[in-house]
Amino acid sequence: MHSDLVVGKRFPDLTLPDHRQQPIKLSELASGFPLILSFYRGYW
């Protein structure tokens, strides 16, 4: 497990590409509200 990912701690403020491939921080997406980040494997 990565040392930044600890159960019960805050998730790191990652920068990921949006649907237009523009970088955006998770904190910008959340705008102060709770955010659920789901990782999936496979195709739609």
C-alpha atoms as a PDB file:
ATOM      1  CA  MET A   1       0.000   0.000   0.000  1.00  0.00           C
ATOM      2  CA  HIS A   2       1.216   3.498  -0.758  1.00  0.00           C
ATOM      3  CA  SER A   3       2.200   5.406   2.396  1.00  0.00           C
ATOM      4  CA  ASP A   4      -0.166   8.301   1.507  1.00  0.00           C
ATOM      5  CA  LEU A   5      -3.169   5.955   1.430  1.00  0.00           C
ATOM      6  CA  VAL A   6      -4.145   5.141   4.996  1.00  0.00           C
ATOM      7  CA  VAL A   7      -7.607   4.058   6.118  1.00  0.00           C
ATOM      8  CA  GLY A   8      -9.297   6.915   7.980  1.00  0.00           C
ATOM      9  CA  LYS A   9      -6.936   9.611   6.659  1.00  0.00           C
ATOM     10  CA  ARG A  10      -7.620  12.234   3.999  1.00  0.00           C
ATOM     11  CA  PHE A  11      -7.081  11.175   0.399  1.00  0.00           C
ATOM     12  CA  PRO A  12      -4.198  13.044  -1.294  1.00  0.00           C
ATOM     13  CA  ASP A  13      -5.262  15.931  -3.546  1.00  0.00           C
ATOM     14  CA  LEU A  14      -4.404  14.276  -6.852  1.00  0.00           C
ATOM     15  CA  THR A  15      -4.391  15.978 -10.226  1.00  0.00           C
ATOM     16  CA  LEU A  16      -6.100  13.837 -12.874  1.00  0.00           C
ATOM     17  CA  PRO A  17      -7.258  14.468 -16.460  1.00  0.00           C
ATOM     18  CA  ASP A  18     -10.924  15.401 -16.948  1.00  0.00           C
ATOM     19  CA  HIS A  19     -13.111  14.312 -19.882  1.00  0.00           C
ATOM     20  CA  ARG A  20     -11.324  16.854 -22.144  1.00  0.00           C
ATOM     21  CA  GLN A  21      -7.892  15.632 -20.993  1.00  0.00           C
ATOM     22  CA  GLN A  22      -7.347  18.878 -19.035  1.00  0.00           C
ATOM     23  CA  PRO A  23      -5.678  18.458 -15.616  1.00  0.00           C
ATOM     24  CA  ILE A  24      -7.952  19.089 -12.633  1.00  0.00           C
ATOM     25  CA  LYS A  25      -7.419  18.602  -8.902  1.00  0.00           C
ATOM     26  CA  LEU A  26      -9.808  16.482  -6.865  1.00  0.00           C
ATOM     27  CA  SER A  27     -10.342  19.443  -4.519  1.00  0.00           C
ATOM     28  CA  GLU A  28     -11.584  21.516  -7.493  1.00  0.00           C
ATOM     29  CA  LEU A  29     -14.066  18.790  -8.449  1.00  0.00           C
ATOM     30  CA  ALA A  30     -15.368  18.502  -4.896  1.00  0.00           C
ATOM     31  CA  SER A  31     -15.652  22.288  -4.342  1.00  0.00           C
ATOM     32  CA  GLY A  32     -15.777  21.746  -0.578  1.00  0.00           C
ATOM     33  CA  PHE A  33     -18.365  18.935  -0.687  1.00  0.00           C
ATOM     34  CA  PRO A  34     -17.762  15.246   0.059  1.00  0.00           C
ATOM     35  CA  LEU A  35     -16.366  13.356  -2.916  1.00  0.00           C
ATOM     36  CA  ILE A  36     -16.513   9.654  -3.697  1.00  0.00           C
ATOM     37  CA  LEU A  37     -13.706   8.395  -5.871  1.00  0.00           C
ATOM     38  CA  SER A  38     -14.309   5.004  -7.431  1.00  0.00           C
ATOM     39  CA  PHE A  39     -11.745   2.981  -9.324  1.00  0.00           C
ATOM     40  CA  TYR A  40     -12.937   0.256 -11.638  1.00  0.00           C
ATOM     41  CA  ARG A  41     -11.274  -2.257 -13.865  1.00  0.00           C
ATOM     42  CA  GLY A  42     -12.596  -3.063 -17.287  1.00  0.00           C
ATOM     43  CA  TYR A  43     -14.729  -1.380 -19.913  1.00  0.00           C
ATOM     44  CA  TRP A  44     -18.149   0.297 -19.871  1.00  0.00           C
END
